[in-house]
Amino acid sequence: MSISVKLDVFEGPLDLLLHLIDKNKVNIHDIPIAIITEQYMEYIRQMKTKNLDIMSEFLVMAATLINIKSKMLLPKDETKEEEEEDPRQELVERLLEYKMYKYISLDLKDREMDAARILYKDATIPKEIEDFKEEIDPRSLLSDLTLAKLHKIFESVIKKQVDKIDPIRSKFGKIEKEEINLTEKILDIQKYGLIHKSFSFRGLLMKQSGKMDIIVTFLGVLELIKIGQVRIKQDNLFEDIMITFTGDVITELENDLVLN
């Protein structure tokens, strides 16, 4: 009985074996080695290639299949208590590994094709944006002071505010949203700065009545740093930060600060 085999191009003997397993719709963990070997040998006989390297790979696999087939034909030794290893096991593991890498390569090929369809636009920045320079360099204002140090002081003040809360009474009553305007808070800081000129950052935060007041005050100080109305200084690490007010409360706010 002749076996009809379509002579497709396969990447190697494992690729051919996977094709035969899929074609016969058999379980890869329970390969009918006799049928697969017969079909594999029929394909070898119909191959028309003179490349010895390619042919040698297919012939080595053919020898492996015949060896497995002969082992399966031998009667089992019933005297051995341990279960004999399935001669197909090694081949199954190789097929599963090959199948995994084959599917991965196909997935990568699909991604390559999708990526080839993507076009990127070069950056086009208007000249007025490229030539823009800030009137005040924030780095010169901050000098050796970092936002991390400001944040550390802010966290310590917040913690003290939390410690003041009564753990029992705070759970009762109606919670209402605190309406605090950032523009008004900045005006308050400026008025405070006109009076005191130089003052403690920690002391300023401690004067606030609640957490939201502290947060808005912190944002107000950062905004005043940004527009150059205050200068900040810290003599030593972990010490308090001193704020020096240098702006004009009305004129500078209207000209330099834009808030909704």
Protein backbone atom coordinates (compact mmCIF):
# COMPACT_ATOMS: atom_id res chain seq x y z
CA MET A 1 0.00 0.00 0.00
CA SER A 2 1.53 3.30 -1.11
CA ILE A 3 1.45 6.35 1.16
CA SER A 4 0.73 9.75 -0.35
CA VAL A 5 3.10 12.36 1.07
CA LYS A 6 3.03 16.00 -0.01
CA LEU A 7 6.59 17.12 -0.52
CA ASP A 8 6.57 20.41 1.35
CA VAL A 9 9.75 22.18 2.38
CA PHE A 10 10.57 21.50 6.02
CA GLU A 11 13.20 23.24 8.12
CA GLY A 12 14.49 19.95 9.48
CA PRO A 13 13.56 16.43 10.60
CA LEU A 14 11.77 17.67 13.74
CA ASP A 15 9.66 20.00 11.59
CA LEU A 16 8.70 17.05 9.39
CA LEU A 17 7.82 14.91 12.41
CA LEU A 18 5.55 17.64 13.80
CA HIS A 19 3.85 17.86 10.42
CA LEU A 20 3.22 14.10 10.35
CA ILE A 21 1.89 14.14 13.94
CA ASP A 22 -0.51 17.00 13.11
CA LYS A 23 -1.52 15.34 9.87
CA ASN A 24 -2.40 12.06 11.60
CA LYS A 25 -4.03 13.94 14.51
CA VAL A 26 -2.24 11.89 17.16
CA ASN A 27 -1.15 12.77 20.69
CA ILE A 28 2.46 13.94 20.75
CA HIS A 29 2.92 12.16 24.13
CA ASP A 30 1.73 8.85 22.62
CA ILE A 31 3.20 8.75 19.12
CA PRO A 32 2.24 5.67 17.02
CA ILE A 33 5.87 5.14 16.12
CA ALA A 34 5.23 2.48 13.43
CA ILE A 35 2.90 4.70 11.36
CA ILE A 36 5.01 7.85 11.77
CA THR A 37 8.23 5.97 10.90
CA GLU A 38 6.67 4.52 7.75
CA GLN A 39 5.46 7.93 6.55
CA TYR A 40 8.77 9.54 7.46
CA MET A 41 10.74 6.95 5.44
CA GLU A 42 8.39 7.47 2.47
CA TYR A 43 9.19 11.18 2.56
CA ILE A 44 12.95 10.43 2.67
CA ARG A 45 12.63 8.23 -0.41
CA GLN A 46 10.87 10.99 -2.33
CA MET A 47 13.30 13.75 -1.40
CA LYS A 48 15.22 15.07 -4.41
CA THR A 49 18.14 16.89 -2.88
CA LYS A 50 21.86 16.48 -3.39
CA ASN A 51 22.81 18.47 -0.30
CA LEU A 52 24.48 15.89 1.95
CA ASP A 53 24.26 18.11 5.04
CA ILE A 54 20.46 18.33 4.75
CA MET A 55 20.06 14.66 3.87
CA SER A 56 22.27 13.56 6.77
CA GLU A 57 20.00 15.30 9.32
CA PHE A 58 16.92 13.51 7.96
CA LEU A 59 18.75 10.17 7.78
CA VAL A 60 19.93 10.46 11.41
CA MET A 61 16.33 11.01 12.51
CA ALA A 62 15.24 8.06 10.36
CA ALA A 63 17.76 5.86 12.17
CA THR A 64 16.47 7.16 15.50
CA LEU A 65 12.89 6.30 14.56
CA ILE A 66 13.84 2.81 13.44
CA ASN A 67 15.78 2.29 16.68
CA ILE A 68 12.76 3.40 18.75
CA LYS A 69 10.48 1.14 16.68
CA SER A 70 12.74 -1.88 17.23
CA LYS A 71 12.85 -1.24 20.99
CA MET A 72 9.08 -1.11 21.16
CA LEU A 73 8.81 -4.43 19.31
CA LEU A 74 10.94 -6.19 21.91
CA PRO A 75 8.98 -8.04 24.62
CA LYS A 76 8.99 -6.41 28.06
CA ASP A 77 11.09 -7.95 30.81
CA GLU A 78 8.51 -8.90 33.42
CA THR A 79 11.19 -9.86 35.96
CA LYS A 80 12.14 -6.20 36.51
CA GLU A 81 10.16 -4.52 39.25
CA GLU A 82 10.85 -0.98 38.01
CA GLU A 83 8.82 0.31 35.09
CA GLU A 84 10.89 0.55 31.92
CA GLU A 85 11.38 3.97 30.39
CA ASP A 86 9.37 4.68 27.25
CA PRO A 87 11.85 4.69 24.31
CA ARG A 88 9.84 7.56 22.78
CA GLN A 89 10.32 9.87 25.78
CA GLU A 90 13.52 11.58 24.61
CA LEU A 91 12.06 12.18 21.14
CA VAL A 92 8.86 13.64 22.64
CA GLU A 93 10.86 16.08 24.77
CA ARG A 94 12.85 17.22 21.72
CA LEU A 95 9.63 17.69 19.72
CA LEU A 96 7.98 19.73 22.50
CA GLU A 97 11.03 21.97 22.83
CA TYR A 98 11.23 22.45 19.07
CA LYS A 99 7.50 23.20 18.89
CA MET A 100 7.83 25.85 21.60
CA TYR A 101 10.68 27.66 19.82
CA LYS A 102 8.90 27.38 16.48
CA TYR A 103 5.77 29.10 17.81
CA ILE A 104 7.91 31.78 19.50
CA SER A 105 9.72 32.47 16.21
CA LEU A 106 6.38 32.77 14.38
CA ASP A 107 5.14 35.21 17.01
CA LEU A 108 8.33 37.29 16.68
CA LYS A 109 7.95 37.29 12.90
CA ASP A 110 4.38 38.61 13.22
CA ARG A 111 5.60 41.34 15.55
CA GLU A 112 8.35 42.26 13.07
CA MET A 113 5.77 42.58 10.30
CA ASP A 114 3.54 44.75 12.51
CA ALA A 115 6.49 46.94 13.50
CA ALA A 116 7.43 47.41 9.83
CA ARG A 117 4.06 49.13 9.28
CA ILE A 118 4.70 51.73 11.99
CA LEU A 119 6.08 55.10 10.89
CA TYR A 120 7.63 57.61 13.29
CA LYS A 121 7.49 61.36 12.87
CA ASP A 122 10.60 63.39 13.62
CA ALA A 123 10.27 65.96 16.40
CA THR A 124 9.24 69.40 15.17
CA ILE A 125 9.61 72.03 17.90
CA PRO A 126 8.64 75.65 17.12
CA LYS A 127 11.56 78.08 17.15
CA GLU A 128 10.01 80.21 19.92
CA ILE A 129 9.91 77.12 22.15
CA GLU A 130 13.52 76.16 21.36
CA ASP A 131 14.74 79.70 22.11
CA PHE A 132 12.75 80.05 25.35
CA LYS A 133 14.80 80.70 28.48
CA GLU A 134 13.44 81.10 31.98
CA GLU A 135 13.97 84.55 33.46
CA ILE A 136 15.06 83.01 36.76
CA ASP A 137 17.11 79.82 36.91
CA PRO A 138 15.54 77.55 39.58
CA ARG A 139 18.90 75.84 40.10
CA SER A 140 20.53 79.08 41.21
CA LEU A 141 17.66 79.71 43.66
CA LEU A 142 17.81 76.25 45.18
CA SER A 143 21.65 76.04 45.18
CA ASP A 144 22.50 73.25 47.64
CA LEU A 145 18.85 72.79 48.71
CA THR A 146 16.78 70.03 47.16
CA LEU A 147 13.05 69.37 47.00
CA ALA A 148 13.73 66.15 48.88
CA LYS A 149 14.79 68.19 51.93
CA LEU A 150 11.68 70.37 51.63
CA HIS A 151 9.55 67.26 51.37
CA LYS A 152 11.17 65.77 54.47
CA ILE A 153 10.28 68.84 56.54
CA PHE A 154 6.78 68.80 55.07
CA GLU A 155 6.32 65.15 56.08
CA SER A 156 7.51 65.81 59.64
CA VAL A 157 5.01 68.67 60.05
CA ILE A 158 2.19 66.54 58.60
CA LYS A 159 3.05 63.79 61.09
CA LYS A 160 2.77 66.23 64.00
CA GLN A 161 -0.62 67.35 62.71
CA VAL A 162 -1.78 63.73 62.55
CA ASP A 163 -0.55 63.13 66.11
CA LYS A 164 -2.79 65.97 67.31
CA ILE A 165 -5.93 64.24 66.07
CA ASP A 166 -8.08 62.56 68.71
CA PRO A 167 -8.33 58.92 67.53
CA ILE A 168 -11.84 58.61 69.00
CA ARG A 169 -13.45 62.03 68.46
CA SER A 170 -12.12 62.25 64.90
CA LYS A 171 -14.33 59.33 63.87
CA PHE A 172 -17.54 61.24 64.69
CA GLY A 173 -19.21 64.22 63.08
CA LYS A 174 -19.65 65.37 59.51
CA ILE A 175 -16.59 65.63 57.29
CA GLU A 176 -16.69 68.69 55.09
CA LYS A 177 -14.37 69.68 52.28
CA GLU A 178 -12.01 72.50 53.19
CA GLU A 179 -12.11 75.27 50.61
CA ILE A 180 -8.66 76.89 50.49
CA ASN A 181 -7.64 79.19 47.65
CA LEU A 182 -4.00 78.90 46.54
CA THR A 183 -3.89 82.51 45.33
CA GLU A 184 -5.11 83.81 48.70
CA LYS A 185 -2.63 81.58 50.52
CA ILE A 186 0.24 82.99 48.43
CA LEU A 187 -0.93 86.51 49.31
CA ASP A 188 -0.92 85.54 53.00
CA ILE A 189 2.65 84.21 52.69
CA GLN A 190 3.74 87.41 50.94
CA LYS A 191 2.15 89.60 53.62
CA TYR A 192 3.82 87.46 56.27
CA GLY A 193 7.11 87.83 54.39
CA LEU A 194 6.80 91.63 54.17
CA ILE A 195 6.46 91.78 57.94
CA HIS A 196 9.08 89.22 58.97
CA LYS A 197 11.41 89.32 55.91
CA SER A 198 13.25 86.16 57.04
CA PHE A 199 11.41 83.28 58.73
CA SER A 200 11.49 79.54 59.37
CA PHE A 201 9.90 77.20 56.83
CA ARG A 202 9.01 74.71 59.57
CA GLY A 203 7.58 77.55 61.71
CA LEU A 204 5.43 78.74 58.81
CA LEU A 205 3.95 75.26 58.34
CA MET A 206 3.37 74.83 62.08
CA LYS A 207 1.19 77.98 62.11
CA GLN A 208 -1.33 76.36 59.77
CA SER A 209 -4.62 75.06 61.21
CA GLY A 210 -4.93 71.78 59.31
CA LYS A 211 -3.49 69.34 56.81
CA MET A 212 -5.04 71.05 53.78
CA ASP A 213 -3.67 74.42 54.98
CA ILE A 214 -0.19 72.89 55.26
CA ILE A 215 -0.39 71.37 51.77
CA VAL A 216 -1.54 74.64 50.13
CA THR A 217 1.11 76.60 52.08
CA PHE A 218 3.77 74.16 50.86
CA LEU A 219 2.56 74.64 47.25
CA GLY A 220 2.52 78.42 47.77
CA VAL A 221 6.16 78.43 48.91
CA LEU A 222 7.17 76.35 45.88
CA GLU A 223 5.33 78.78 43.57
CA LEU A 224 7.07 81.78 45.17
CA ILE A 225 10.43 80.02 44.74
CA LYS A 226 9.57 79.46 41.09
CA ILE A 227 8.76 83.13 40.39
CA GLY A 228 11.77 84.33 42.42
CA GLN A 229 9.98 86.11 45.27
CA VAL A 230 11.64 84.09 48.01
CA ARG A 231 15.06 82.62 48.60
CA ILE A 232 15.68 79.58 50.76
CA LYS A 233 18.77 78.50 52.68
CA GLN A 234 19.77 75.58 54.89
CA ASP A 235 23.05 75.87 56.80
CA ASN A 236 23.46 72.21 57.74
CA LEU A 237 21.91 68.90 56.77
CA PHE A 238 18.59 68.10 58.55
CA GLU A 239 18.39 71.62 59.98
CA ASP A 240 15.44 73.92 59.45
CA ILE A 241 15.15 75.87 56.18
CA MET A 242 15.14 79.66 56.37
CA ILE A 243 13.02 81.61 53.90
CA THR A 244 13.92 85.19 52.89
CA PHE A 245 11.14 87.20 51.21
CA THR A 246 12.36 89.52 48.44
CA GLY A 247 9.22 90.30 46.43
CA ASP A 248 6.44 92.89 46.34
CA VAL A 249 3.09 91.57 47.56
CA ILE A 250 0.81 93.16 44.92
CA THR A 251 2.91 94.04 41.89
CA GLU A 252 4.88 90.80 41.72
CA LEU A 253 1.73 88.65 42.19
CA GLU A 254 -0.11 90.33 39.34
CA ASN A 255 2.81 90.35 36.94
CA ASP A 256 4.49 86.99 37.55
CA LEU A 257 1.85 84.62 38.96
CA VAL A 258 -0.91 83.15 36.80
CA LEU A 259 -3.39 81.13 38.82
CA ASN A 260 -7.05 80.16 38.19
